[in-house]
Each structure stands twice: as C-alpha cells, then as structure tokens.
Protein backbone atom coordinates (compact mmCIF):
# COMPACT_ATOMS: atom_id res chain seq x y z
CA MET A 1 19.98 -87.95 52.92
CA LEU A 2 19.08 -85.57 55.40
CA PRO A 3 19.82 -81.18 54.94
CA SER A 4 23.12 -79.85 55.71
CA SER A 5 23.66 -76.71 56.87
CA ASN A 6 24.86 -75.57 52.74
CA ASP A 7 21.97 -77.37 51.06
CA ALA A 8 19.03 -75.17 49.58
CA TRP A 9 15.53 -75.80 47.66
CA PRO A 10 15.12 -72.72 45.89
CA THR A 11 12.74 -74.55 43.22
CA ASP A 12 8.94 -75.95 42.84
CA GLU A 13 11.16 -79.13 41.83
CA ASP A 14 13.65 -79.10 45.38
CA LEU A 15 11.03 -79.25 47.09
CA ARG A 16 9.31 -81.90 45.69
CA ALA A 17 12.38 -84.11 45.53
CA ALA A 18 12.82 -82.80 49.30
CA TYR A 19 9.17 -83.49 50.22
CA ALA A 20 10.34 -87.58 48.10
CA ARG A 21 13.06 -88.31 50.85
CA PHE A 22 11.57 -87.38 54.21
CA ALA A 23 8.54 -89.26 52.96
CA ALA A 24 10.28 -92.25 52.24
CA ARG A 25 12.36 -92.30 55.32
CA ILE A 26 8.70 -93.07 56.94
CA PRO A 27 7.66 -96.62 55.98
CA GLY A 28 4.30 -96.72 55.18
CA TYR A 29 3.73 -92.94 55.44
CA VAL A 30 0.43 -91.03 53.94
CA GLN A 31 -0.02 -87.31 53.68
CA PRO A 32 -2.37 -85.76 56.60
CA THR A 33 -5.65 -84.18 56.05
CA ALA A 34 -4.51 -81.94 58.39
CA TYR A 35 -2.32 -80.86 61.21
CA THR A 36 -0.33 -78.69 63.21
CA LEU A 37 2.57 -77.97 66.40
CA ALA A 38 2.07 -76.40 69.26
CA ARG A 39 3.86 -75.45 72.38
CA ARG A 40 2.04 -75.74 75.65
CA GLY A 41 3.24 -73.64 78.58
CA ARG A 42 2.35 -71.80 81.98
CA ASP A 43 -0.22 -69.55 79.73
CA GLY A 44 -2.22 -72.59 77.65
CA LEU A 45 -2.10 -73.80 74.56
CA THR A 46 -0.35 -71.87 71.39
CA VAL A 47 -0.74 -72.82 68.08
CA GLY A 48 1.55 -72.53 65.05
CA HIS A 49 0.53 -72.61 61.44
CA LEU A 50 -2.69 -74.62 60.92
CA ASN A 51 -2.18 -76.64 57.85
CA GLY A 52 -5.95 -77.51 57.12
CA PRO A 53 -7.53 -80.49 54.21
CA GLY A 54 -6.65 -78.93 50.42
CA GLY A 55 -3.70 -77.21 51.69
CA GLU A 56 -0.30 -77.23 49.72
CA HIS A 57 2.27 -77.35 52.77
CA LYS A 58 2.89 -80.54 51.83
CA LEU A 59 7.31 -81.15 52.51
CA PRO A 60 6.12 -79.49 56.45
CA ALA A 61 4.18 -82.32 56.95
CA ALA A 62 6.71 -85.19 56.16
CA VAL A 63 9.93 -83.46 58.23
CA LEU A 64 7.58 -82.75 61.75
CA ALA A 65 6.15 -86.45 61.10
CA LEU A 66 9.83 -87.43 60.63
CA VAL A 67 10.91 -85.75 63.77
CA CYS A 68 7.83 -86.55 65.50
CA GLY A 69 6.88 -90.22 64.49
CA TYR A 70 3.94 -89.63 62.84
CA VAL A 71 2.90 -92.37 59.87
CA ASN A 72 -0.93 -92.58 59.29
CA GLU A 73 -2.54 -92.37 62.03
CA THR A 74 -4.05 -89.49 63.59
CA GLY A 75 -3.19 -88.62 66.91
CA VAL A 76 -1.10 -86.33 69.13
CA PHE A 77 2.27 -86.65 69.49
CA ARG A 78 4.76 -84.96 72.07
CA LEU A 79 8.05 -83.35 71.00
CA SER A 80 10.80 -82.02 72.95
CA ARG A 81 12.92 -78.85 72.55
CA ASP A 82 15.66 -80.26 70.54
CA GLN A 83 12.85 -82.09 68.46
CA VAL A 84 11.29 -79.25 67.20
CA ALA A 85 14.86 -77.62 67.03
CA GLU A 86 15.44 -80.17 64.19
CA ALA A 87 12.78 -80.28 62.97
CA VAL A 88 13.20 -76.16 61.83
CA GLU A 89 16.59 -77.08 60.97
CA LEU A 90 15.47 -79.98 58.03
CA LEU A 91 12.55 -77.35 56.46
CA ALA A 92 15.44 -74.28 56.93
CA PRO A 93 16.50 -75.22 53.52
CA ALA A 94 12.63 -74.62 51.59
CA GLU A 95 13.42 -70.67 52.47
CA ALA A 96 15.29 -70.77 49.52
CA ALA A 97 12.25 -70.82 47.83
CA ILE A 98 11.39 -67.77 47.97
CA HIS A 99 8.25 -67.48 45.79
CA TRP A 100 6.25 -69.22 48.40
CA GLU A 101 5.56 -68.25 51.90
CA HIS A 102 6.91 -70.88 54.49
CA PRO A 103 4.01 -70.27 56.85
CA ASN A 104 5.04 -73.41 59.51
CA LEU A 105 8.84 -72.54 59.85
CA TRP A 106 8.08 -69.55 60.26
CA SER A 107 5.75 -70.42 63.21
CA TRP A 108 7.95 -73.05 64.47
CA ARG A 109 10.56 -70.76 64.65
CA ARG A 110 8.03 -68.36 67.05
CA LEU A 111 7.12 -70.95 68.75
CA LEU A 112 11.05 -71.87 69.97
CA THR A 113 11.70 -68.34 70.41
CA ALA A 114 9.07 -67.74 73.03
CA VAL A 115 9.51 -71.50 74.80
CA GLU A 116 10.34 -70.80 78.87
CA PRO A 117 10.63 -73.31 81.43
CA GLY A 118 8.55 -77.02 81.57
CA SER A 119 6.92 -75.39 78.01
CA SER A 120 6.32 -78.95 75.87
CA PHE A 121 5.38 -78.88 72.13
CA LEU A 122 2.57 -81.02 70.91
CA ALA A 123 2.27 -82.12 67.23
CA TYR A 124 -1.25 -82.78 65.76
CA PHE A 125 -1.96 -85.57 62.76
CA VAL A 126 -5.34 -86.21 61.02
CA ALA A 127 -5.31 -88.71 59.07
CA PRO A 128 -7.04 -89.28 55.95
CA GLY A 129 -10.25 -90.91 56.49
CA ARG A 130 -10.06 -90.69 60.28
CA GLY A 131 -10.75 -87.41 61.59
C-alpha cells in the first residue's frame, strides 16, 4: 500500500516498514551504493542531495527507484516533473520523523520549485559492485 496524504511515519520502525513496503514493490530491488536526483535546465545540471556509500537514507532510494524504474543496475533514469512530484508526495510522510533530517526530500522540493520550461530530471543510481 502506498501512503496517503494522511500518513505519517514518526518512528524509526515506521520508516523501516515504509522502506520494506516500497522495496517489496520492486522485484529484484537492490539498495544502491549511491544515488541522487538532478534537474537539467538551460543553466546546466543542478544536483540534489548526493547519497554516497555508507549512507543511511535508504527509504528515499526505494521511493525514487519505484518512480523511475531502478532495480539493481547502475544507470541514469529520466523523469518528468510529475514523477518527481510523485516521489516527493510518496516520501513526505517521513517528515513526521523529526529526529531525522530529510535532505533528499528537501532537495527534491527545491529542484521542483526552480523548474523552468524545458527542464528535465535525471536520477542517478550506482548499484553495489557495479560502479
């Protein structure tokens, strides 16, 4: 089940359960070693929060993977503005966990607010052992 606008995930247990639900919707899903979302506009590439090796933000990776089609291979995935907005909406209940920062969600929102005509979005994933 995907979240509704009334959902909130205030505890670590809630966040882990949400991650498990998203990951289960992607057959063969492998947590990436690194990932990010970027916006390409006329002034170049604006990169959101970069999640490097050893990062602790697994839930946003599963949300972004579900929206863009990442499963377990290193690659770049083109997304529409609507897909990025969907990712933001799906991840938003995590903000209820106020004991965590949410750099992915916050940077994705910033990328959306500065969108201009002709902009496109790219999700970058590095799969384990396939960099």
